[in-house]
Amino acid sequence: MYNVGDVVVYPMHGAGVIEEIEEHEVLGKVQKYYVMKIPYGNMKVLLPMSNASGIGIRDVISENEANEVLNRFDCADMKVNNNWNKRIRENMVKIKSGDIYEVGAVVKSLMIRDRKKGLSTGERKMLANAKQIFISELVLAKKTTNDAIEKELSSIVDRQLAEA
């Protein structure tokens, strides 16, 4: 059970702060919901308290782990499937996992592919969604800004492409 002020991750949406707990009636049933504000994209999400663990709500990683995530992002060697359909399915599984390392792998592979060959509309939307999830957690873990994390990710990708 989480409390107001707790910082959590909601897979497929990103990290945010629980601002309040409210009761809402949905389909004739009154339930309690966490009201979560996700700073990246300035989005608010209602999360049913009764199913929080079932939908994968978890604590945000520590600052030390965020540094490790960025280190792995920097060191990871990306092997990308050339089959568009299979690549989309594989990336969606990684994003849905809620694992920040997996989401980071999706972000990096799509950023590299975008700079090398461009992305389809579907992959461009997937990159935007994965970046939101990835960056929102890093921002809260490292207590920094969206822009700072985005610049760091771009710098890593640009440097690796220049070295290749």
Foldseek 3Di string as FASTA:
>chain_A
DDDFQAWKAQFLAAIFGQHHWDWDADPNDIFIWGWTFQPLVRDTDTHTPVCCVVRPIDHQDALVVLVVLLVCLLVPDQDADPPVVVRVVLLVVLRSVLDLNSLSNLLLVLVLCCVVPRDDPVSVVVNVSSLSRNLSSSCVNNVHDSVVVVVSSVVSSVVVVVVD
